[in-house]
Protein backbone atom coordinates (compact mmCIF):
# COMPACT_ATOMS: atom_id res chain seq x y z
CA MET A 1 -199.19 -130.08 -121.52
CA SER A 2 -197.08 -128.20 -119.00
CA SER A 3 -193.88 -126.76 -120.34
CA ARG A 4 -192.11 -127.80 -117.15
CA THR A 5 -190.10 -131.00 -117.53
CA ALA A 6 -191.32 -133.89 -115.35
CA GLY A 7 -189.13 -134.61 -112.34
CA VAL A 8 -187.47 -131.20 -112.37
CA PRO A 9 -188.29 -129.18 -109.28
CA ALA A 10 -190.04 -125.89 -109.82
CA PRO A 11 -187.89 -122.80 -109.48
CA GLY A 12 -188.12 -120.76 -106.31
CA PRO A 13 -190.32 -117.71 -106.11
CA SER A 14 -189.18 -114.77 -108.20
CA ILE A 15 -187.91 -111.70 -106.42
CA HIS A 16 -190.11 -109.73 -108.83
CA ALA A 17 -193.18 -111.58 -107.59
CA ALA A 18 -192.34 -110.59 -104.03
CA HIS A 19 -191.91 -106.97 -105.08
CA PRO A 20 -194.60 -105.97 -107.61
CA PRO A 21 -193.93 -103.00 -109.88
CA ALA A 22 -194.33 -99.66 -108.20
CA ALA A 23 -197.78 -98.16 -108.63
CA ARG A 24 -198.01 -95.57 -111.37
CA SER A 25 -198.48 -92.01 -110.19
CA GLY A 26 -201.63 -90.08 -110.91
CA LEU A 27 -199.67 -87.90 -113.33
CA ASP A 28 -198.44 -90.99 -115.20
CA ARG A 29 -201.91 -92.52 -115.39
CA TYR A 30 -203.61 -89.32 -116.54
CA PHE A 31 -201.16 -88.57 -119.34
CA ALA A 32 -200.31 -92.24 -120.11
CA ILE A 33 -196.62 -91.33 -119.85
CA SER A 34 -195.12 -94.79 -119.31
CA GLU A 35 -197.79 -96.35 -121.54
CA ARG A 36 -196.45 -94.28 -124.44
CA GLY A 37 -192.85 -95.14 -123.58
CA SER A 38 -191.96 -91.77 -122.14
CA THR A 39 -190.85 -90.27 -118.83
CA PRO A 40 -191.69 -86.98 -117.09
CA GLY A 41 -188.17 -85.78 -117.88
CA GLN A 42 -188.63 -86.45 -121.59
CA GLU A 43 -191.94 -84.62 -121.55
CA VAL A 44 -190.45 -81.56 -119.87
CA ARG A 45 -187.54 -81.46 -122.31
CA GLY A 46 -189.92 -81.91 -125.22
CA GLY A 47 -192.22 -79.16 -123.97
CA VAL A 48 -189.34 -76.73 -123.62
CA ALA A 49 -188.02 -77.64 -127.08
CA THR A 50 -191.45 -77.09 -128.65
CA PHE A 51 -191.78 -73.68 -126.97
CA LEU A 52 -188.37 -72.60 -128.21
CA ALA A 53 -189.26 -73.74 -131.74
CA MET A 54 -192.62 -71.91 -131.70
CA SER A 55 -191.79 -68.79 -129.71
CA TYR A 56 -190.80 -66.74 -132.75
CA ILE A 57 -194.49 -66.27 -133.50
CA ILE A 58 -194.71 -63.80 -130.59
CA VAL A 59 -192.47 -61.46 -132.59
CA LEU A 60 -193.43 -62.40 -136.14
CA ASN A 61 -197.22 -62.30 -135.81
CA PRO A 62 -197.31 -58.66 -134.62
CA LEU A 63 -195.11 -57.70 -137.56
CA ILE A 64 -197.41 -59.46 -140.05
CA LEU A 65 -200.53 -57.92 -138.51
CA SER A 66 -198.96 -54.48 -138.13
CA ALA A 67 -200.31 -53.25 -141.46
CA PRO A 68 -203.28 -50.86 -141.34
CA ASP A 69 -206.77 -51.95 -142.32
CA SER A 70 -208.67 -50.24 -145.14
CA THR A 71 -209.47 -47.32 -142.82
CA GLY A 72 -205.85 -46.81 -141.76
CA ALA A 73 -206.27 -48.20 -138.23
CA THR A 74 -203.64 -50.55 -136.75
CA LEU A 75 -203.76 -53.18 -134.01
CA GLY A 76 -200.54 -52.16 -132.25
CA ILE A 77 -197.48 -54.42 -132.05
CA PRO A 78 -197.25 -54.70 -128.21
CA ARG A 79 -200.95 -55.57 -127.94
CA VAL A 80 -200.75 -58.24 -130.65
CA ALA A 81 -197.62 -59.73 -129.05
CA ALA A 82 -199.25 -60.12 -125.64
CA ALA A 83 -202.50 -61.52 -127.07
CA THR A 84 -200.59 -63.92 -129.34
CA ALA A 85 -198.74 -65.37 -126.35
CA LEU A 86 -201.96 -65.63 -124.32
CA VAL A 87 -203.91 -67.48 -127.02
CA ALA A 88 -200.97 -69.83 -127.60
CA ALA A 89 -200.76 -70.51 -123.86
CA LEU A 90 -204.46 -71.27 -123.36
CA ALA A 91 -204.85 -73.35 -126.53
CA THR A 92 -201.72 -75.40 -125.85
CA LEU A 93 -202.72 -75.97 -122.22
CA LEU A 94 -206.13 -77.19 -123.41
CA MET A 95 -204.42 -79.53 -125.87
CA GLY A 96 -202.27 -80.93 -123.09
CA LEU A 97 -204.83 -81.24 -120.32
CA TRP A 98 -207.86 -82.30 -122.39
CA ALA A 99 -206.68 -83.86 -125.65
CA ARG A 100 -203.40 -85.04 -124.03
CA HIS A 101 -201.12 -84.81 -127.05
CA PRO A 102 -197.73 -83.07 -127.42
CA PHE A 103 -199.05 -80.56 -129.95
CA GLY A 104 -198.44 -76.84 -129.46
CA LEU A 105 -200.87 -74.28 -130.90
CA ALA A 106 -200.44 -70.64 -131.84
CA THR A 107 -201.39 -68.19 -134.58
CA GLY A 108 -200.99 -69.93 -137.92
CA LEU A 109 -198.59 -68.53 -140.46
CA GLY A 110 -200.11 -68.24 -143.90
CA VAL A 111 -203.63 -67.55 -142.72
CA ASN A 112 -202.42 -64.49 -140.78
CA ALA A 113 -200.71 -63.17 -143.91
CA PHE A 114 -203.90 -63.81 -145.91
CA VAL A 115 -205.91 -61.95 -143.28
CA ALA A 116 -203.51 -58.99 -143.20
CA ILE A 117 -202.75 -58.65 -146.91
CA THR A 118 -205.97 -59.75 -148.60
CA VAL A 119 -208.87 -59.43 -146.16
CA ALA A 120 -207.88 -56.37 -144.10
CA THR A 121 -207.25 -54.31 -147.22
CA THR A 122 -210.74 -54.97 -148.60
CA PRO A 123 -212.38 -51.53 -148.94
CA GLY A 124 -214.57 -50.67 -145.98
CA LEU A 125 -213.41 -53.42 -143.63
CA THR A 126 -211.94 -52.66 -140.21
CA TRP A 127 -209.79 -54.98 -138.07
CA PRO A 128 -212.82 -55.93 -135.90
CA ASP A 129 -214.70 -56.88 -139.08
CA VAL A 130 -211.75 -58.94 -140.31
CA MET A 131 -211.30 -60.80 -137.03
CA GLY A 132 -215.04 -61.39 -136.97
CA LEU A 133 -214.62 -63.42 -140.17
CA VAL A 134 -211.93 -65.50 -138.44
CA VAL A 135 -214.28 -66.13 -135.51
CA LEU A 136 -217.03 -67.21 -137.92
CA ALA A 137 -214.63 -69.65 -139.59
CA GLY A 138 -213.79 -71.04 -136.16
CA LEU A 139 -217.45 -71.42 -135.22
CA VAL A 140 -218.12 -73.30 -138.46
CA MET A 141 -215.17 -75.57 -137.70
CA ILE A 142 -216.50 -76.24 -134.19
CA LEU A 143 -219.79 -77.27 -135.79
CA LEU A 144 -218.00 -79.56 -138.26
CA VAL A 145 -216.14 -81.26 -135.42
CA ALA A 146 -219.25 -81.57 -133.23
CA THR A 147 -221.21 -83.22 -136.05
CA GLY A 148 -218.37 -85.65 -136.81
CA PHE A 149 -217.82 -84.30 -140.32
CA ARG A 150 -214.20 -83.31 -139.73
CA THR A 151 -213.38 -86.74 -138.29
CA ALA A 152 -215.13 -88.41 -141.24
CA VAL A 153 -213.01 -86.40 -143.69
CA PHE A 154 -209.87 -87.37 -141.79
CA ASN A 155 -210.82 -91.06 -141.96
CA ALA A 156 -211.60 -90.79 -145.70
CA VAL A 157 -208.02 -89.84 -146.59
CA PRO A 158 -206.15 -92.83 -148.11
CA GLU A 159 -203.21 -94.19 -146.10
CA THR A 160 -200.81 -93.32 -148.92
CA LEU A 161 -201.80 -89.66 -148.74
CA LYS A 162 -201.51 -89.68 -144.96
CA THR A 163 -197.94 -90.90 -145.33
CA ALA A 164 -197.29 -88.25 -147.97
CA ILE A 165 -198.58 -85.60 -145.56
CA VAL A 166 -196.01 -86.69 -142.98
CA VAL A 167 -193.21 -86.55 -145.57
CA GLY A 168 -194.41 -83.18 -146.87
CA ILE A 169 -194.50 -81.66 -143.41
CA GLY A 170 -190.97 -82.94 -142.84
CA LEU A 171 -189.75 -81.23 -146.01
CA PHE A 172 -191.74 -78.12 -145.14
CA ILE A 173 -190.33 -77.62 -141.65
CA ALA A 174 -186.81 -78.39 -142.93
CA LEU A 175 -187.23 -75.61 -145.50
CA ILE A 176 -188.58 -73.29 -142.80
CA GLY A 177 -185.44 -73.99 -140.79
CA LEU A 178 -183.12 -73.37 -143.72
CA VAL A 179 -184.88 -70.13 -144.69
CA ASN A 180 -185.16 -68.84 -141.13
CA ALA A 181 -181.43 -69.40 -140.67
CA GLY A 182 -180.52 -67.52 -143.85
CA PHE A 183 -178.87 -70.67 -145.22
CA VAL A 184 -181.41 -70.61 -148.06
CA ARG A 185 -182.86 -67.29 -149.16
CA ARG A 186 -185.63 -66.20 -151.45
CA VAL A 187 -184.42 -64.48 -154.60
CA PRO A 188 -186.94 -61.76 -155.58
CA ASP A 189 -187.01 -61.23 -159.32
CA ALA A 190 -189.97 -59.62 -161.03
CA ALA A 191 -188.75 -60.81 -164.44
CA GLY A 192 -188.63 -64.43 -163.31
CA THR A 193 -185.16 -64.94 -164.76
CA THR A 194 -183.55 -66.55 -161.71
CA VAL A 195 -184.23 -69.49 -159.43
CA PRO A 196 -186.72 -68.61 -156.66
CA VAL A 197 -184.28 -69.47 -153.86
CA GLY A 198 -180.52 -69.42 -153.52
CA LEU A 199 -177.71 -70.31 -151.13
CA GLY A 200 -177.16 -67.61 -148.51
CA ALA A 201 -176.84 -63.97 -149.55
CA GLY A 202 -175.81 -63.61 -153.19
CA GLY A 203 -174.99 -67.30 -153.47
CA GLU A 204 -172.53 -67.24 -150.56
CA LEU A 205 -172.73 -68.25 -146.90
CA ALA A 206 -171.52 -65.30 -144.88
CA GLY A 207 -172.19 -63.74 -141.48
CA TRP A 208 -172.13 -64.92 -137.89
CA PRO A 209 -175.83 -65.95 -137.77
CA VAL A 210 -175.29 -68.52 -140.54
CA LEU A 211 -172.29 -69.86 -138.61
CA VAL A 212 -174.50 -70.29 -135.54
CA PHE A 213 -176.94 -72.31 -137.64
CA ILE A 214 -174.21 -74.52 -139.10
CA VAL A 215 -172.64 -75.18 -135.69
CA GLY A 216 -176.07 -75.91 -134.22
CA LEU A 217 -176.94 -78.26 -137.07
CA LEU A 218 -173.69 -80.20 -136.77
CA VAL A 219 -173.88 -80.44 -132.97
CA THR A 220 -177.53 -81.53 -133.05
CA SER A 221 -176.93 -84.07 -135.83
CA ILE A 222 -173.96 -85.64 -134.05
CA LEU A 223 -175.87 -85.88 -130.76
CA VAL A 224 -178.93 -87.38 -132.49
CA VAL A 225 -177.01 -90.07 -134.39
CA ARG A 226 -175.12 -90.95 -131.20
CA GLY A 227 -178.42 -91.35 -129.38
CA VAL A 228 -177.67 -88.74 -126.72
CA ARG A 229 -180.67 -88.03 -124.51
CA GLY A 230 -181.85 -84.44 -124.93
CA ALA A 231 -179.92 -84.05 -128.19
CA ILE A 232 -182.24 -81.52 -129.83
CA LEU A 233 -182.61 -79.36 -126.73
CA ILE A 234 -178.85 -79.44 -126.13
CA GLY A 235 -178.31 -78.32 -129.72
CA ILE A 236 -180.68 -75.37 -129.25
CA VAL A 237 -178.97 -74.35 -126.01
CA VAL A 238 -175.47 -74.57 -127.53
CA ALA A 239 -176.52 -72.47 -130.53
CA THR A 240 -178.31 -69.95 -128.28
CA VAL A 241 -175.26 -69.48 -126.04
CA LEU A 242 -173.03 -69.06 -129.10
CA ALA A 243 -175.46 -66.54 -130.64
CA ASN A 244 -175.62 -64.41 -127.50
CA ILE A 245 -171.82 -64.41 -127.16
CA LEU A 246 -171.36 -63.36 -130.79
CA GLU A 247 -173.96 -60.61 -130.50
CA ALA A 248 -172.36 -59.28 -127.31
CA VAL A 249 -168.91 -59.20 -128.92
CA PHE A 250 -169.67 -58.08 -132.49
CA HIS A 251 -173.01 -56.20 -132.12
CA ILE A 252 -174.34 -57.85 -135.28
CA GLY A 253 -177.92 -56.56 -135.08
CA PRO A 254 -181.05 -57.74 -136.91
CA SER A 255 -181.31 -58.20 -140.66
CA VAL A 256 -183.78 -55.30 -140.79
CA ALA A 257 -183.27 -52.48 -138.28
CA ALA A 258 -186.07 -50.44 -136.75
CA ASP A 259 -185.41 -47.64 -139.25
CA GLY A 260 -185.67 -50.06 -142.18
CA THR A 261 -181.93 -50.40 -142.79
CA VAL A 262 -181.14 -53.82 -144.30
CA ASN A 263 -178.22 -55.88 -143.01
CA PRO A 264 -177.94 -59.09 -145.10
CA HIS A 265 -175.60 -60.63 -142.52
CA GLY A 266 -177.79 -59.82 -139.51
CA TRP A 267 -180.05 -62.03 -137.41
CA SER A 268 -183.13 -63.06 -139.36
CA LEU A 269 -185.77 -61.52 -137.07
CA VAL A 270 -184.40 -60.10 -133.82
CA ALA A 271 -180.93 -59.87 -132.32
CA PRO A 272 -180.33 -62.01 -129.20
CA SER A 273 -180.96 -59.98 -126.03
CA LEU A 274 -181.91 -60.48 -122.39
CA PRO A 275 -185.63 -60.25 -121.55
CA GLU A 276 -187.31 -57.59 -119.44
CA TRP A 277 -190.54 -57.81 -117.46
CA THR A 278 -193.41 -55.86 -119.01
CA ALA A 279 -197.07 -55.36 -118.14
CA PRO A 280 -199.14 -56.98 -120.93
CA ASP A 281 -201.73 -54.94 -122.81
CA LEU A 282 -204.65 -57.30 -123.48
CA SER A 283 -207.10 -54.66 -124.68
CA LEU A 284 -207.53 -56.41 -128.05
CA LEU A 285 -209.48 -59.26 -126.47
CA GLY A 286 -213.06 -59.24 -127.71
CA GLN A 287 -212.55 -56.41 -130.22
CA VAL A 288 -214.46 -58.18 -133.03
CA SER A 289 -217.58 -57.63 -135.10
CA LEU A 290 -219.39 -60.75 -136.31
CA THR A 291 -221.74 -58.88 -138.63
CA GLY A 292 -219.58 -55.99 -139.87
CA ALA A 293 -218.18 -57.78 -142.92
CA VAL A 294 -221.60 -59.08 -143.97
CA GLU A 295 -223.14 -55.61 -143.67
CA LYS A 296 -220.35 -53.97 -145.70
CA LEU A 297 -219.61 -56.66 -148.32
CA GLY A 298 -222.79 -58.67 -148.56
CA TRP A 299 -223.27 -62.26 -147.43
CA LEU A 300 -221.81 -63.87 -150.58
CA MET A 301 -218.46 -62.07 -150.47
CA ALA A 302 -218.23 -62.54 -146.70
CA ALA A 303 -219.02 -66.25 -147.11
CA LEU A 304 -216.24 -66.66 -149.68
CA LEU A 305 -213.72 -65.05 -147.32
CA VAL A 306 -214.85 -67.28 -144.45
CA PHE A 307 -214.58 -70.31 -146.75
CA ALA A 308 -211.02 -69.40 -147.74
CA ILE A 309 -209.97 -69.03 -144.10
CA LEU A 310 -211.82 -72.20 -143.09
CA LEU A 311 -210.35 -74.44 -145.77
CA SER A 312 -206.82 -73.31 -145.01
CA VAL A 313 -206.96 -73.90 -141.25
CA PHE A 314 -209.09 -77.06 -141.64
CA PHE A 315 -206.50 -78.97 -143.64
CA ASP A 316 -203.39 -77.36 -142.20
CA ALA A 317 -204.42 -78.72 -138.82
CA MET A 318 -205.40 -82.12 -140.16
CA GLY A 319 -202.08 -82.48 -141.92
CA SER A 320 -200.14 -81.38 -138.86
CA MET A 321 -202.04 -83.81 -136.66
CA VAL A 322 -201.33 -86.73 -138.98
CA GLY A 323 -197.65 -85.94 -139.29
CA LEU A 324 -197.03 -85.28 -135.62
CA ALA A 325 -199.05 -88.24 -134.35
CA ARG A 326 -197.23 -90.65 -136.62
CA GLU A 327 -193.87 -89.19 -135.62
CA ALA A 328 -194.85 -89.58 -131.95
CA GLY A 329 -195.96 -93.16 -132.52
CA THR A 330 -199.50 -92.51 -131.28
CA MET A 331 -201.28 -93.27 -134.55
CA ARG A 332 -203.19 -96.55 -134.49
CA GLU A 333 -203.14 -99.15 -137.26
CA ASP A 334 -206.50 -97.90 -138.55
CA GLY A 335 -205.05 -94.40 -139.00
CA THR A 336 -206.79 -92.79 -136.02
CA ILE A 337 -205.21 -91.36 -132.87
CA PRO A 338 -206.35 -91.35 -129.21
CA HIS A 339 -208.74 -88.52 -128.31
CA GLN A 340 -208.88 -87.54 -131.98
CA ASP A 341 -212.11 -85.57 -131.63
CA ARG A 342 -210.64 -83.61 -128.73
CA VAL A 343 -207.57 -82.71 -130.79
CA LEU A 344 -209.76 -81.45 -133.62
CA MET A 345 -212.06 -79.56 -131.25
CA THR A 346 -209.12 -77.92 -129.50
CA ASP A 347 -207.82 -76.77 -132.86
CA ALA A 348 -211.24 -75.38 -133.80
CA LEU A 349 -211.45 -73.53 -130.49
CA ALA A 350 -207.97 -72.09 -131.13
CA VAL A 351 -209.17 -70.69 -134.47
CA THR A 352 -212.13 -69.03 -132.74
CA ALA A 353 -210.04 -67.73 -129.83
CA GLY A 354 -207.42 -66.34 -132.18
CA GLY A 355 -210.04 -64.31 -133.99
CA GLY A 356 -211.61 -63.21 -130.72
CA ALA A 357 -208.23 -61.95 -129.49
CA SER A 358 -207.47 -60.16 -132.81
CA VAL A 359 -204.37 -62.26 -133.49
CA SER A 360 -205.78 -64.37 -136.37
CA ALA A 361 -206.56 -68.09 -136.31
CA GLY A 362 -204.69 -70.38 -133.94
CA GLN A 363 -203.77 -73.87 -135.09
CA ILE A 364 -201.55 -76.89 -134.42
CA TYR A 365 -197.90 -76.11 -135.09
CA VAL A 366 -195.68 -78.42 -137.10
CA GLU A 367 -192.79 -77.12 -135.00
CA SER A 368 -194.19 -79.39 -132.28
CA GLY A 369 -192.17 -82.04 -134.08
CA THR A 370 -189.12 -80.54 -132.39
CA GLY A 371 -190.47 -81.55 -128.99
CA ILE A 372 -191.51 -84.95 -130.31
CA GLY A 373 -188.01 -85.44 -131.63
CA GLU A 374 -186.82 -84.65 -128.10
CA GLY A 375 -189.01 -87.45 -126.73
CA ALA A 376 -192.37 -85.79 -126.04
CA ARG A 377 -195.24 -88.26 -126.39
CA THR A 378 -198.04 -86.96 -124.16
CA GLY A 379 -200.02 -83.92 -123.19
CA LEU A 380 -197.64 -83.18 -120.32
CA ALA A 381 -195.23 -81.70 -122.87
CA SER A 382 -197.99 -79.38 -124.08
CA VAL A 383 -198.67 -78.30 -120.50
CA VAL A 384 -195.01 -77.31 -120.19
CA THR A 385 -195.15 -75.47 -123.54
CA GLY A 386 -198.38 -73.71 -122.55
CA LEU A 387 -196.98 -72.58 -119.20
CA LEU A 388 -193.93 -71.13 -120.93
CA PHE A 389 -196.20 -69.20 -123.31
CA LEU A 390 -198.11 -67.97 -120.25
CA VAL A 391 -194.85 -66.65 -118.80
CA ALA A 392 -194.14 -65.05 -122.18
CA VAL A 393 -197.36 -63.00 -121.87
CA PHE A 394 -195.58 -61.02 -119.17
CA LEU A 395 -192.12 -61.51 -120.61
CA THR A 396 -192.65 -61.20 -124.35
CA PRO A 397 -189.01 -60.21 -124.97
CA LEU A 398 -188.06 -63.66 -123.61
CA ILE A 399 -188.04 -65.04 -127.11
CA HIS A 400 -185.38 -62.48 -128.09
CA LEU A 401 -182.94 -64.61 -126.12
CA VAL A 402 -183.25 -67.43 -128.69
CA PRO A 403 -182.79 -66.29 -132.32
CA PHE A 404 -184.22 -68.17 -135.30
CA GLU A 405 -180.76 -69.40 -136.18
CA ALA A 406 -180.51 -71.33 -132.90
CA VAL A 407 -183.82 -73.17 -133.38
CA ALA A 408 -183.54 -73.76 -137.14
CA PRO A 409 -181.15 -76.76 -136.80
CA ALA A 410 -183.77 -78.60 -134.76
CA LEU A 411 -186.37 -78.04 -137.50
CA VAL A 412 -184.02 -79.44 -140.15
CA VAL A 413 -183.20 -82.54 -138.08
CA VAL A 414 -186.87 -83.19 -137.24
CA GLY A 415 -187.73 -82.65 -140.91
CA PHE A 416 -185.24 -85.39 -141.78
CA MET A 417 -186.89 -87.73 -139.27
CA MET A 418 -190.35 -87.15 -140.73
CA ALA A 419 -189.27 -87.28 -144.38
CA SER A 420 -187.70 -90.70 -143.81
CA GLN A 421 -191.21 -92.18 -143.90
CA VAL A 422 -191.21 -91.78 -147.68
CA VAL A 423 -190.24 -95.47 -147.85
CA ARG A 424 -193.77 -96.37 -146.67
CA ILE A 425 -195.24 -95.17 -149.98
CA ASP A 426 -195.86 -97.93 -152.53
CA TRP A 427 -194.05 -96.51 -155.56
CA THR A 428 -195.15 -99.44 -157.72
CA ASP A 429 -198.74 -98.15 -157.61
CA ALA A 430 -198.40 -94.98 -159.67
CA GLY A 431 -202.09 -94.15 -159.26
CA ALA A 432 -201.50 -93.58 -155.55
CA ALA A 433 -197.81 -92.64 -155.62
CA LEU A 434 -198.20 -89.70 -158.02
CA PRO A 435 -200.84 -87.94 -155.85
CA ALA A 436 -198.62 -88.68 -152.86
CA PHE A 437 -195.68 -87.08 -154.65
CA LEU A 438 -197.73 -83.96 -155.45
CA THR A 439 -198.82 -83.81 -151.81
CA PHE A 440 -195.38 -83.79 -150.27
CA ILE A 441 -193.56 -81.80 -152.95
CA LEU A 442 -196.04 -78.91 -153.04
CA MET A 443 -196.02 -78.31 -149.30
CA PRO A 444 -192.51 -76.83 -149.22
CA PHE A 445 -192.71 -75.39 -152.74
CA THR A 446 -195.88 -73.40 -151.95
CA TYR A 447 -195.11 -72.88 -148.26
CA SER A 448 -198.52 -74.36 -147.41
CA ILE A 449 -199.64 -77.67 -145.95
CA ALA A 450 -203.19 -77.13 -147.21
CA ASN A 451 -202.05 -76.59 -150.82
CA GLY A 452 -200.20 -79.90 -150.82
CA ILE A 453 -203.14 -81.78 -149.34
CA GLY A 454 -205.55 -80.19 -151.82
CA ALA A 455 -203.43 -81.03 -154.86
CA GLY A 456 -202.97 -84.60 -153.64
CA MET A 457 -206.67 -85.16 -153.02
CA ILE A 458 -207.73 -83.76 -156.37
CA ALA A 459 -205.10 -85.82 -158.17
CA TYR A 460 -206.01 -89.01 -156.28
CA ALA A 461 -209.72 -88.72 -157.08
CA VAL A 462 -209.18 -87.91 -160.76
CA ILE A 463 -206.38 -90.42 -161.42
CA ARG A 464 -208.16 -93.30 -159.67
CA THR A 465 -211.26 -92.53 -161.72
CA GLY A 466 -209.17 -92.43 -164.89
CA GLN A 467 -207.82 -95.87 -163.97
CA GLY A 468 -211.36 -97.20 -163.78
CA ARG A 469 -211.03 -97.55 -159.99
CA ALA A 470 -213.45 -94.82 -158.92
CA LYS A 471 -214.93 -97.14 -156.27
CA GLU A 472 -211.70 -96.75 -154.29
CA VAL A 473 -212.35 -93.02 -153.90
CA HIS A 474 -214.35 -92.29 -150.75
CA PRO A 475 -217.39 -90.07 -151.51
CA LEU A 476 -216.18 -87.51 -148.98
CA LEU A 477 -212.91 -87.28 -150.87
CA TRP A 478 -214.86 -86.02 -153.88
CA VAL A 479 -216.51 -83.38 -151.69
CA VAL A 480 -213.12 -82.25 -150.40
CA ALA A 481 -211.61 -82.28 -153.90
CA ALA A 482 -214.46 -80.09 -155.17
CA ALA A 483 -213.92 -77.70 -152.25
CA PHE A 484 -210.24 -77.41 -153.13
CA VAL A 485 -211.07 -76.72 -156.78
CA LEU A 486 -213.16 -73.80 -155.53
CA PHE A 487 -210.36 -72.76 -153.16
CA PHE A 488 -207.64 -72.84 -155.83
CA GLY A 489 -209.86 -71.04 -158.31
CA MET A 490 -211.16 -68.45 -155.85
CA GLY A 491 -209.95 -65.53 -157.95
CA VAL A 492 -211.66 -66.87 -161.07
CA PHE A 493 -214.96 -67.50 -159.30
CA ARG A 494 -214.90 -64.08 -157.66
CA GLY A 495 -214.38 -62.53 -161.10
CA LEU A 496 -217.24 -64.53 -162.60
CA LEU A 497 -219.52 -63.41 -159.79
CA GLY A 498 -218.42 -59.79 -160.22
CA LEU A 499 -217.02 -59.60 -156.69
CA ASP A 500 -213.55 -58.25 -157.57
């Protein structure tokens, strides 16, 4: 039956019918901008915010990889800085143009420290040998994506653990923000008689950089709760301007000077300064040896090192993808995301490219949540981020303009947004909730996404089996749990095999 009442004349033609919606632009259709509830302006703001949140890696990665290898050779800080920016630019552009997600990529923290501290110091290995191992890990990951194994593992993760991964990443990036700002500091103590972290320096908040963080956090929080468009980016800009003014007036300097002098009230990494154009030195590209480590260590030891690198980047990226996609609202009801295989392949290519450029493995950055919090929903934001990294190849001091303390408030606010999903966990089902708890609590406590995921997966498989509900554990989850047992016990197994 018609819903129109008999005898009542039909309404006149709608003005909307006479004027159909404007055709979507090619840019909109390609990136699905309006389909994902975004606008080009939001994407640009999000891309800029993500770059500002990630750009510290251009300074930090060269410092981490500055140590000599076992032969005493070094990579060179300027060369690593330029190559780091280039790999980040190309990988992020590929993510934007091909996978079409607002995920930035750059050298992964954690794996670069492992490469520099553990692998590069192995007797006999040179930097080309070490980076060859990273390339091999990337090639294995490409194979795992191409065969569908990596996607199958992703789909085997229970929904409760996926939610826990989002929460854990939120807590993790919030802690990164607090530590980077000097608001929370590590407390080194060989005797283990104090808490591992403390408030500020010596239990007190002091110094202009901490003030910049506090002002930035308050401004950003107020703008976010008031629903101001561009709140996160505005907060970063306000804090950056304040930081540069304070540095110009008081000459605060970095927390660690070039001569090694420590200033507990200084800027956490570099002091704010204006950039200068420089010619990039990209001579590190291709300086790798795929067989050197095998020839010097034997295939078993080399395979264990590749496995350690692979497992770390494999699950770091998976966890980041889950958390960021859910925060962006692009995760489907079945737990998958659009162009999922392309996202995973881009990440695998970034690992390989990072090794090939001698800057360690590239991977998806959780700091991309800053851009998502600013409204980024599509690959257009990644294109913006990638282009800014490309500029940074020639202008690497650009990131000196924005200190850690100016970006840290955005990480804390985005961490809050992601951690709020903890309500999605069913706390009445302890068999699933306890592994979820281990997942999200260990990420910040161990400073590793992969560690949290590994602990959660092992706990889920064992606890469900102990409940008599082993059928609920996907077979692939057992494979992953066994791999993490090997990963966590790497030192023990190396000792048993006489490889130490």
